[in-house]
Amino acid sequence: MTSSARCLPVLSWSATYTAPIVGHEIGRNCPVSVLGYEPSRTQALRMNKPSLFQIWMLVLVGCGNGSSLAQVPGTGPAVDGGVSDARPSPLPAPLPAQRLSAIVEELRGSSSAPGAILGVSLRGQHWSGASGIDHVARSSPMRPDLRFRIGSVTKILTGIVLLQLEEEGLLQRNDPLSKWIPDFPQASATTIDMLLSHTGGVTGTWFEDAQFISEVTRDLSRVFSPTEVIALVKPLAPAGPPGASMLYSNAGFVLAGEVAARATGSDLSTLIRSRVVDRARLSATSYTFDPPPGLAHGYFSYSGLELDTAEVDQRAIVSAAGAAGAATSTVDDLTHLLDELFTTEHLVRASSRNRMMLEGKPGAGYGRAMMSFCPCKGEGSARTYSGFGHGGYLPGAWSLVVYYPEKELSVAMMINRDNVAGVPVGRGALDRAAQAVYEAIP
């Protein structure tokens, strides 16, 4: 079989943890029977976890002698905050696998996490790699196919569902919250659009409230319903008048998720599965409170102890996060989700996608269920952004996804630690890694 594609494994080793960094540069025309590809997705063939035999076959056989990857129908550059699909994109240069391997290693080191994963998608090319350790006690290496709890990246899934319901006429962006949840404070002045843009004045301090924390952590095996979480949030003071300013509110997204459920008569887990996971053909993404198969180990410090999330029941915390943060996924699924969201209309129309990227308040750096990312131009309300996505964390895990319309580049990454000696890791290391990927792609 002849091919113009090149599929080369990228294998190196972590000097710190003596654990492998494993990445694969994937093209579309590789012989499936030899390489174990699964041609199940819209724009590219995705690679199953390779066996040792498959890795050696990659080394020995490769995918032909060409130097470029097959063209995948793409879209043009961003236009007025959106993505135009007027003409096919030119063939991209091959992904810089060696530099991407270095970036995931740098991410692991700068975040002080035992392990890190990075996934990149560029117009039909796909690369994923891992560095360091998954299970510290057993020195098990981190793998690119492991699932993570993605925290607030869940908000993108919730936002997609709400925008679909608006497109279908099941709700309107300017519907007052009181139409669906009448007894919540300021509900008559808070709109669905405000919930998605964090401008609804809903409290942003729920996990800083002693009463809330006490209730959620009393029994870590408890599964909270959205109505139970909303009942716990109701007594907390509003952040301010609805529409006045942007203040990040996880509780606001729990409300948004419950609006979706009440508008459809279905629970949010079912809505995310049928409207996002199935439509985008994601194979390892779920909205679940129980740990799914293949979930990575995560580490955090508490009262001087180093804890492994696999040994601590997280159902109470995860179910309390709900629509704001309960999903799990892989870097491969997340880059594919971004590709589907930004280059097709399988999930939402272009107008809805553009509104996700449009800041709810000028200069806020947040649209509808979507953060804005630099490199940037200008300042304040005149600032323009290069990337759009979200970051998120739960105990033991940080994740970040970004799509860069100008380059048609999707990036996803995860680390298996959220604090060191009680000090939050923060998003800085992930932001720097995302920008390094951006700069590495011509």
Protein backbone atom coordinates (compact mmCIF):
# COMPACT_ATOMS: atom_id res chain seq x y z
CA MET A 1 0.00 0.00 0.00
CA THR A 2 1.44 3.37 -0.95
CA SER A 3 0.77 6.49 1.06
CA SER A 4 1.81 10.08 1.28
CA ALA A 5 1.37 9.95 5.04
CA ARG A 6 4.01 9.35 7.64
CA CYS A 7 3.19 7.65 10.98
CA LEU A 8 6.16 7.55 13.28
CA PRO A 9 6.18 6.65 16.97
CA VAL A 10 7.77 9.13 19.33
CA LEU A 11 9.39 7.35 22.25
CA SER A 12 11.57 8.93 24.93
CA TRP A 13 12.06 8.60 28.66
CA SER A 14 11.60 10.82 31.70
CA ALA A 15 14.87 11.40 33.45
CA THR A 16 13.15 12.19 36.74
CA TYR A 17 10.73 9.29 37.00
CA THR A 18 12.38 6.87 34.55
CA ALA A 19 8.95 6.52 32.95
CA PRO A 20 8.24 6.64 29.23
CA ILE A 21 7.00 9.54 27.22
CA VAL A 22 4.97 7.94 24.46
CA GLY A 23 3.54 9.85 21.54
CA HIS A 24 2.20 9.05 18.10
CA GLU A 25 2.15 11.24 15.04
CA ILE A 26 -0.87 9.99 13.12
CA GLY A 27 -1.70 10.26 9.44
CA ARG A 28 -4.81 9.14 7.60
CA ASN A 29 -3.45 6.71 4.98
CA CYS A 30 -1.64 4.21 7.19
CA PRO A 31 -2.31 0.48 6.74
CA VAL A 32 -4.96 -0.33 9.34
CA SER A 33 -4.12 -4.03 9.56
CA VAL A 34 -0.53 -3.28 10.53
CA LEU A 35 -0.96 -0.25 12.75
CA GLY A 36 -4.21 -0.91 14.60
CA TYR A 37 -6.04 2.24 13.58
CA GLU A 38 -9.75 2.56 14.20
CA PRO A 39 -11.35 4.61 11.39
CA SER A 40 -14.31 5.73 13.44
CA ARG A 41 -14.19 9.50 13.39
CA THR A 42 -15.08 12.34 11.12
CA GLN A 43 -11.79 13.84 10.02
CA ALA A 44 -9.03 11.46 11.09
CA LEU A 45 -8.20 7.90 12.01
CA ARG A 46 -7.65 7.49 15.71
CA MET A 47 -5.08 5.13 17.11
CA ASN A 48 -5.89 2.48 19.70
CA LYS A 49 -3.40 1.88 22.49
CA PRO A 50 -0.53 0.12 20.68
CA SER A 51 0.85 -3.21 21.72
CA LEU A 52 4.62 -3.69 21.86
CA PHE A 53 4.34 -5.55 18.55
CA GLN A 54 2.51 -2.63 16.96
CA ILE A 55 5.11 -0.15 18.22
CA TRP A 56 7.91 -2.21 16.69
CA MET A 57 5.94 -2.54 13.45
CA LEU A 58 5.70 1.23 13.39
CA VAL A 59 9.45 1.53 13.84
CA LEU A 60 10.23 -1.07 11.18
CA VAL A 61 7.53 -0.36 8.63
CA GLY A 62 6.36 3.23 9.09
CA CYS A 63 3.77 4.54 6.66
CA GLY A 64 5.53 5.03 3.39
CA ASN A 65 8.17 7.42 2.24
CA GLY A 66 6.21 10.62 1.90
CA SER A 67 6.80 13.61 4.10
CA SER A 68 3.35 15.18 4.20
CA LEU A 69 0.05 14.08 5.64
CA ALA A 70 -3.14 13.64 3.68
CA GLN A 71 -5.33 16.71 3.47
CA VAL A 72 -8.46 16.80 5.56
CA PRO A 73 -11.22 19.24 4.64
CA GLY A 74 -10.82 22.14 7.04
CA THR A 75 -11.92 25.70 7.46
CA GLY A 76 -10.38 29.06 6.90
CA PRO A 77 -9.18 31.54 9.51
CA ALA A 78 -11.39 33.14 12.13
CA VAL A 79 -13.77 35.79 10.85
CA ASP A 80 -15.43 38.23 13.29
CA GLY A 81 -14.78 35.93 16.22
CA GLY A 82 -15.96 32.84 14.37
CA VAL A 83 -14.59 30.21 12.04
CA SER A 84 -15.21 30.46 8.32
CA ASP A 85 -15.68 27.34 6.22
CA ALA A 86 -15.38 29.06 2.86
CA ARG A 87 -12.44 27.04 1.48
CA PRO A 88 -10.18 24.13 2.38
CA SER A 89 -7.08 24.81 4.43
CA PRO A 90 -3.63 24.27 2.95
CA LEU A 91 -1.73 21.15 3.96
CA PRO A 92 -0.16 21.69 7.40
CA ALA A 93 3.45 20.92 8.12
CA PRO A 94 4.00 17.67 10.04
CA LEU A 95 3.51 18.05 13.77
CA PRO A 96 6.81 18.71 15.60
CA ALA A 97 6.73 15.51 17.63
CA GLN A 98 10.09 16.05 19.31
CA ARG A 99 9.10 19.53 20.53
CA LEU A 100 5.70 18.30 21.71
CA SER A 101 7.42 15.54 23.70
CA ALA A 102 9.61 18.19 25.33
CA ILE A 103 6.56 20.35 26.15
CA VAL A 104 4.76 17.54 28.00
CA GLU A 105 7.93 16.83 29.94
CA GLU A 106 8.27 20.53 30.79
CA LEU A 107 4.62 20.61 31.89
CA ARG A 108 5.16 17.73 34.28
CA GLY A 109 8.25 19.34 35.76
CA SER A 110 6.92 22.89 36.10
CA SER A 111 3.66 21.73 37.70
CA SER A 112 5.40 19.36 40.18
CA ALA A 113 2.91 16.70 39.11
CA PRO A 114 3.91 13.02 39.04
CA GLY A 115 2.59 12.76 35.48
CA ALA A 116 1.30 14.79 32.56
CA ILE A 117 -0.48 14.13 29.25
CA LEU A 118 -0.66 16.30 26.14
CA GLY A 119 -2.81 15.90 23.03
CA VAL A 120 -2.65 17.96 19.82
CA SER A 121 -4.85 17.97 16.72
CA LEU A 122 -4.09 19.97 13.60
CA ARG A 123 -6.29 19.57 10.51
CA GLY A 124 -6.28 15.79 10.50
CA GLN A 125 -2.96 15.20 12.25
CA HIS A 126 -3.08 13.89 15.80
CA TRP A 127 -0.38 13.50 18.40
CA SER A 128 -0.60 12.52 22.06
CA GLY A 129 2.12 11.91 24.60
CA ALA A 130 2.62 11.33 28.32
CA SER A 131 5.40 11.97 30.80
CA GLY A 132 6.08 10.65 34.28
CA ILE A 133 4.04 8.48 36.60
CA ASP A 134 0.37 7.54 36.93
CA HIS A 135 0.45 5.31 40.03
CA VAL A 136 3.29 6.51 42.26
CA ALA A 137 3.28 3.55 44.65
CA ARG A 138 3.69 1.10 41.78
CA SER A 139 5.76 3.39 39.52
CA SER A 140 3.25 2.79 36.74
CA PRO A 141 3.96 5.11 33.80
CA MET A 142 1.49 7.76 32.74
CA ARG A 143 -0.24 6.86 29.46
CA PRO A 144 -1.89 9.15 26.89
CA ASP A 145 -5.08 7.07 26.86
CA LEU A 146 -5.86 7.39 30.58
CA ARG A 147 -9.00 9.23 31.63
CA PHE A 148 -8.99 12.23 33.95
CA ARG A 149 -11.64 14.11 35.83
CA ILE A 150 -11.72 17.28 33.76
CA GLY A 151 -13.34 19.60 36.31
CA SER A 152 -14.60 22.84 34.83
CA VAL A 153 -13.90 21.75 31.26
CA THR A 154 -17.29 20.09 31.85
CA LYS A 155 -18.78 23.56 31.43
CA ILE A 156 -18.17 23.34 27.68
CA LEU A 157 -20.33 20.20 27.55
CA THR A 158 -23.06 21.84 29.63
CA GLY A 159 -22.89 24.98 27.50
CA ILE A 160 -23.24 22.99 24.27
CA VAL A 161 -26.39 21.33 25.62
CA LEU A 162 -27.96 24.68 26.58
CA LEU A 163 -27.14 26.23 23.21
CA GLN A 164 -28.66 23.25 21.41
CA LEU A 165 -31.85 23.64 23.43
CA GLU A 166 -31.99 27.30 22.45
CA GLU A 167 -31.50 26.39 18.78
CA GLU A 168 -34.40 23.95 19.09
CA GLY A 169 -36.67 26.49 20.76
CA LEU A 170 -36.91 24.61 24.06
CA LEU A 171 -35.61 27.66 25.89
CA GLN A 172 -34.41 31.18 25.12
CA ARG A 173 -31.18 32.85 26.16
CA ASN A 174 -33.11 35.68 27.82
CA ASP A 175 -35.48 33.40 29.70
CA PRO A 176 -35.41 34.33 33.39
CA LEU A 177 -34.14 31.65 35.72
CA SER A 178 -37.47 31.97 37.53
CA LYS A 179 -39.17 30.24 34.59
CA TRP A 180 -37.39 27.05 35.56
CA ILE A 181 -36.22 27.52 39.17
CA PRO A 182 -38.56 30.17 40.62
CA ASP A 183 -37.43 30.07 44.25
CA PHE A 184 -33.74 30.88 43.72
CA PRO A 185 -32.52 34.35 44.85
CA GLN A 186 -32.69 37.00 42.10
CA ALA A 187 -34.13 34.38 39.73
CA SER A 188 -36.48 36.81 37.98
CA ALA A 189 -33.57 39.09 37.00
CA THR A 190 -31.08 36.35 36.11
CA THR A 191 -31.18 34.97 32.57
CA ILE A 192 -29.89 31.72 31.09
CA ASP A 193 -27.32 33.71 29.12
CA MET A 194 -26.05 35.27 32.36
CA LEU A 195 -25.54 31.83 33.88
CA LEU A 196 -23.43 30.72 30.92
CA SER A 197 -21.31 33.89 31.01
CA HIS A 198 -20.93 34.08 34.83
CA THR A 199 -22.70 37.43 34.91
CA GLY A 200 -25.81 36.34 36.82
CA GLY A 201 -24.67 37.48 40.25
CA VAL A 202 -24.78 33.89 41.58
CA THR A 203 -22.44 33.19 44.48
CA GLY A 204 -18.90 32.26 43.54
CA THR A 205 -17.82 31.14 47.01
CA TRP A 206 -19.69 27.89 47.58
CA PHE A 207 -16.62 25.75 48.31
CA GLU A 208 -15.25 28.49 50.56
CA ASP A 209 -18.40 28.42 52.71
CA ALA A 210 -17.87 26.42 55.91
CA GLN A 211 -21.45 25.15 56.06
CA PHE A 212 -21.40 24.00 52.43
CA ILE A 213 -18.04 22.25 52.84
CA SER A 214 -19.18 20.57 56.04
CA GLU A 215 -22.29 19.19 54.36
CA VAL A 216 -20.53 17.97 51.22
CA THR A 217 -17.62 16.32 53.01
CA ARG A 218 -19.62 14.75 55.87
CA ASP A 219 -20.08 11.56 53.84
CA LEU A 220 -17.79 11.39 50.81
CA SER A 221 -19.75 8.45 49.37
CA ARG A 222 -22.98 10.44 49.18
CA VAL A 223 -24.29 11.37 45.74
CA PHE A 224 -25.93 14.80 45.70
CA SER A 225 -28.76 15.60 43.32
CA PRO A 226 -28.76 19.01 41.60
CA THR A 227 -31.75 20.09 43.67
CA GLU A 228 -29.87 19.21 46.87
CA VAL A 229 -26.86 21.24 45.75
CA ILE A 230 -29.08 24.19 44.81
CA ALA A 231 -30.71 24.02 48.26
CA LEU A 232 -27.24 24.27 49.85
CA VAL A 233 -26.31 27.23 47.63
CA LYS A 234 -29.52 29.25 48.12
CA PRO A 235 -28.60 30.66 51.55
CA LEU A 236 -25.26 31.99 50.31
CA ALA A 237 -25.08 35.70 49.58
CA PRO A 238 -25.33 36.66 45.89
CA ALA A 239 -22.16 37.90 44.26
CA GLY A 240 -23.95 41.04 43.08
CA PRO A 241 -26.85 42.24 40.96
CA PRO A 242 -27.51 40.15 37.84
CA GLY A 243 -25.85 41.50 34.71
CA ALA A 244 -23.61 43.97 36.54
CA SER A 245 -20.28 42.20 36.23
CA MET A 246 -18.58 38.88 35.55
CA LEU A 247 -17.82 36.73 38.59
CA TYR A 248 -16.95 33.09 38.04
CA SER A 249 -19.63 30.89 39.58
CA ASN A 250 -19.68 27.11 39.63
CA ALA A 251 -23.06 27.28 41.31
CA GLY A 252 -24.37 29.20 38.30
CA PHE A 253 -23.53 26.25 36.06
CA VAL A 254 -25.25 23.80 38.42
CA LEU A 255 -28.32 25.99 37.93
CA ALA A 256 -27.81 25.98 34.15
CA GLY A 257 -27.58 22.19 34.13
CA GLU A 258 -30.81 21.90 36.10
CA VAL A 259 -32.52 24.29 33.66
CA ALA A 260 -31.55 21.93 30.83
CA ALA A 261 -32.93 18.97 32.76
CA ARG A 262 -36.24 20.68 33.51
CA ALA A 263 -36.61 21.99 29.96
CA THR A 264 -36.26 18.48 28.53
CA GLY A 265 -37.47 16.20 31.30
CA SER A 266 -34.17 14.34 31.15
CA ASP A 267 -31.17 14.25 33.49
CA LEU A 268 -27.97 16.03 32.50
CA SER A 269 -25.97 12.81 32.20
CA THR A 270 -28.35 11.58 29.50
CA LEU A 271 -28.33 14.96 27.75
CA ILE A 272 -24.53 15.13 27.62
CA ARG A 273 -24.29 11.55 26.39
CA SER A 274 -26.90 11.89 23.64
CA ARG A 275 -26.23 15.48 22.60
CA VAL A 276 -22.45 15.76 22.93
CA VAL A 277 -20.73 12.40 23.40
CA ASP A 278 -22.77 10.50 20.79
CA ARG A 279 -22.95 13.33 18.23
CA ALA A 280 -19.21 13.97 18.42
CA ARG A 281 -18.49 10.23 18.58
CA LEU A 282 -16.37 10.50 21.71
CA SER A 283 -15.25 7.10 22.93
CA ALA A 284 -13.91 7.86 26.43
CA THR A 285 -15.97 10.79 27.74
CA SER A 286 -18.67 10.46 30.36
CA TYR A 287 -20.60 12.50 32.89
CA THR A 288 -20.48 10.21 35.87
CA PHE A 289 -19.95 10.40 39.61
CA ASP A 290 -18.46 6.92 39.92
CA PRO A 291 -14.86 6.49 38.72
CA PRO A 292 -14.90 5.13 35.15
CA PRO A 293 -12.54 2.40 33.91
CA GLY A 294 -9.06 3.63 33.08
CA LEU A 295 -9.19 6.68 35.39
CA ALA A 296 -5.74 8.05 36.17
CA HIS A 297 -4.50 8.27 39.74
CA GLY A 298 -4.45 11.81 41.11
CA TYR A 299 -2.56 13.28 44.05
CA PHE A 300 -3.23 16.05 46.54
CA SER A 301 -2.02 17.09 49.97
CA TYR A 302 -4.37 17.33 52.93
CA SER A 303 -3.41 17.95 56.56
CA GLY A 304 0.17 16.98 55.79
CA LEU A 305 -0.84 13.73 54.09
CA GLU A 306 -0.21 12.85 50.44
CA LEU A 307 -3.44 11.28 49.19
CA ASP A 308 -4.24 9.27 46.07
CA THR A 309 -7.69 10.04 44.68
CA ALA A 310 -8.11 6.38 43.75
CA GLU A 311 -8.14 5.61 47.48
CA VAL A 312 -10.55 8.42 48.48
CA ASP A 313 -14.25 8.32 47.62
CA GLN A 314 -14.97 11.43 45.56
CA ARG A 315 -18.62 10.93 44.74
CA ALA A 316 -19.86 13.66 47.09
CA ILE A 317 -17.47 16.27 45.71
CA VAL A 318 -17.97 15.25 42.08
CA SER A 319 -21.77 15.15 42.31
CA ALA A 320 -21.78 18.53 44.07
CA ALA A 321 -19.76 19.94 41.17
CA GLY A 322 -22.28 18.41 38.77
CA ALA A 323 -22.84 20.46 35.61
CA ALA A 324 -19.87 22.64 36.58
CA GLY A 325 -17.30 19.86 36.81
CA ALA A 326 -18.30 16.18 36.92
CA ALA A 327 -17.17 14.84 33.52
CA THR A 328 -14.22 12.58 32.72
CA SER A 329 -12.38 12.35 29.41
CA THR A 330 -9.06 11.82 27.61
CA VAL A 331 -6.87 14.23 25.69
CA ASP A 332 -7.74 12.41 22.47
CA ASP A 333 -11.48 12.86 23.04
CA LEU A 334 -11.07 16.48 24.07
CA THR A 335 -9.08 17.52 21.01
CA HIS A 336 -11.67 15.75 18.88
CA LEU A 337 -14.45 17.57 20.73
CA LEU A 338 -12.79 20.91 19.93
CA ASP A 339 -12.40 19.91 16.28
CA GLU A 340 -16.09 19.02 16.09
CA LEU A 341 -17.19 22.17 17.89
CA PHE A 342 -15.10 24.64 15.91
CA THR A 343 -14.89 23.16 12.42
CA THR A 344 -18.32 21.55 11.98
CA GLU A 345 -21.93 22.19 12.93
CA HIS A 346 -22.49 18.69 14.31
CA LEU A 347 -22.83 20.12 17.83
CA VAL A 348 -24.01 23.71 17.47
CA ARG A 349 -24.54 26.17 14.66
CA ALA A 350 -21.82 28.65 13.74
CA SER A 351 -23.83 31.49 15.31
CA SER A 352 -23.97 29.65 18.64
CA ARG A 353 -20.27 28.82 18.47
CA ASN A 354 -19.47 32.46 17.82
CA ARG A 355 -21.52 33.47 20.84
CA MET A 356 -19.55 31.02 22.99
CA MET A 357 -16.41 32.96 22.08
CA LEU A 358 -17.98 36.42 22.54
CA GLU A 359 -17.18 37.91 25.95
CA GLY A 360 -20.16 38.28 28.23
CA LYS A 361 -18.59 41.48 29.55
CA PRO A 362 -15.91 43.37 27.59
CA GLY A 363 -12.48 42.56 28.95
CA ALA A 364 -13.75 39.66 31.07
CA GLY A 365 -11.96 36.97 29.07
CA TYR A 366 -14.99 34.70 29.27
CA GLY A 367 -17.78 34.09 26.76
CA ARG A 368 -20.50 31.50 27.16
CA ALA A 369 -19.06 28.36 28.77
CA MET A 370 -15.76 29.33 27.16
CA MET A 371 -12.59 31.01 28.43
CA SER A 372 -10.36 33.15 26.23
CA PHE A 373 -6.64 32.50 25.92
CA CYS A 374 -3.60 34.48 24.83
CA PRO A 375 -1.43 35.30 22.87
CA CYS A 376 -3.42 38.53 22.88
CA LYS A 377 -3.46 41.90 21.19
CA GLY A 378 -4.62 45.11 22.81
CA GLU A 379 -5.67 45.78 26.38
CA GLY A 380 -8.86 45.86 28.42
CA SER A 381 -12.09 45.86 26.47
CA ALA A 382 -10.10 46.16 23.22
CA ARG A 383 -8.14 42.97 23.84
CA THR A 384 -8.46 40.20 21.26
CA TYR A 385 -7.59 36.58 21.93
CA SER A 386 -5.95 33.79 19.95
CA GLY A 387 -7.53 30.81 21.71
CA PHE A 388 -10.79 29.63 23.25
CA GLY A 389 -11.41 26.75 25.63
CA HIS A 390 -11.47 26.07 29.36
CA GLY A 391 -9.41 24.98 32.33
CA GLY A 392 -10.60 22.88 35.22
CA TYR A 393 -9.61 20.93 38.30
CA LEU A 394 -10.86 18.64 41.01
CA PRO A 395 -8.81 17.09 43.81
CA GLY A 396 -5.82 15.38 42.21
CA ALA A 397 -6.29 16.62 38.64
CA TRP A 398 -5.90 19.70 36.47
CA SER A 399 -6.92 19.89 32.82
CA LEU A 400 -6.98 22.49 30.07
CA VAL A 401 -8.27 22.61 26.50
CA VAL A 402 -7.73 25.36 23.92
CA TYR A 403 -8.67 25.81 20.27
CA TYR A 404 -6.75 28.35 18.18
CA PRO A 405 -8.94 29.28 15.16
CA GLU A 406 -6.14 30.99 13.22
CA LYS A 407 -4.16 27.74 13.10
CA GLU A 408 -7.10 25.32 13.37
CA LEU A 409 -5.19 23.85 16.28
CA SER A 410 -6.74 21.89 19.18
CA VAL A 411 -4.76 21.32 22.37
CA ALA A 412 -5.68 19.32 25.49
CA MET A 413 -3.57 18.51 28.53
CA MET A 414 -3.90 17.02 31.98
CA ILE A 415 -1.74 16.65 35.10
CA ASN A 416 -2.41 14.36 38.07
CA ARG A 417 -1.93 16.82 40.91
CA ASP A 418 -3.89 19.89 41.98
CA ASN A 419 -1.87 21.07 44.98
CA VAL A 420 1.57 20.66 46.52
CA ALA A 421 1.77 20.69 50.31
CA GLY A 422 -1.62 22.37 50.38
CA VAL A 423 -0.63 25.10 47.90
CA PRO A 424 -2.78 25.04 44.73
CA VAL A 425 -0.86 24.23 41.56
CA GLY A 426 -2.87 26.81 39.63
CA ARG A 427 -3.35 27.08 35.90
CA GLY A 428 -0.09 28.85 35.07
CA ALA A 429 1.93 25.79 34.06
CA LEU A 430 -0.86 24.59 31.77
CA ASP A 431 -1.30 28.02 30.20
CA ARG A 432 2.42 28.16 29.45
CA ALA A 433 2.33 24.68 27.93
CA ALA A 434 -0.61 25.64 25.71
CA GLN A 435 1.20 28.74 24.49
CA ALA A 436 4.35 26.66 23.86
CA VAL A 437 2.32 24.33 21.64
CA TYR A 438 0.84 27.34 19.84
CA GLU A 439 4.33 28.73 19.20
CA ALA A 440 5.62 25.33 18.04
CA ILE A 441 3.03 25.06 15.29
CA PRO A 442 3.85 27.21 12.21
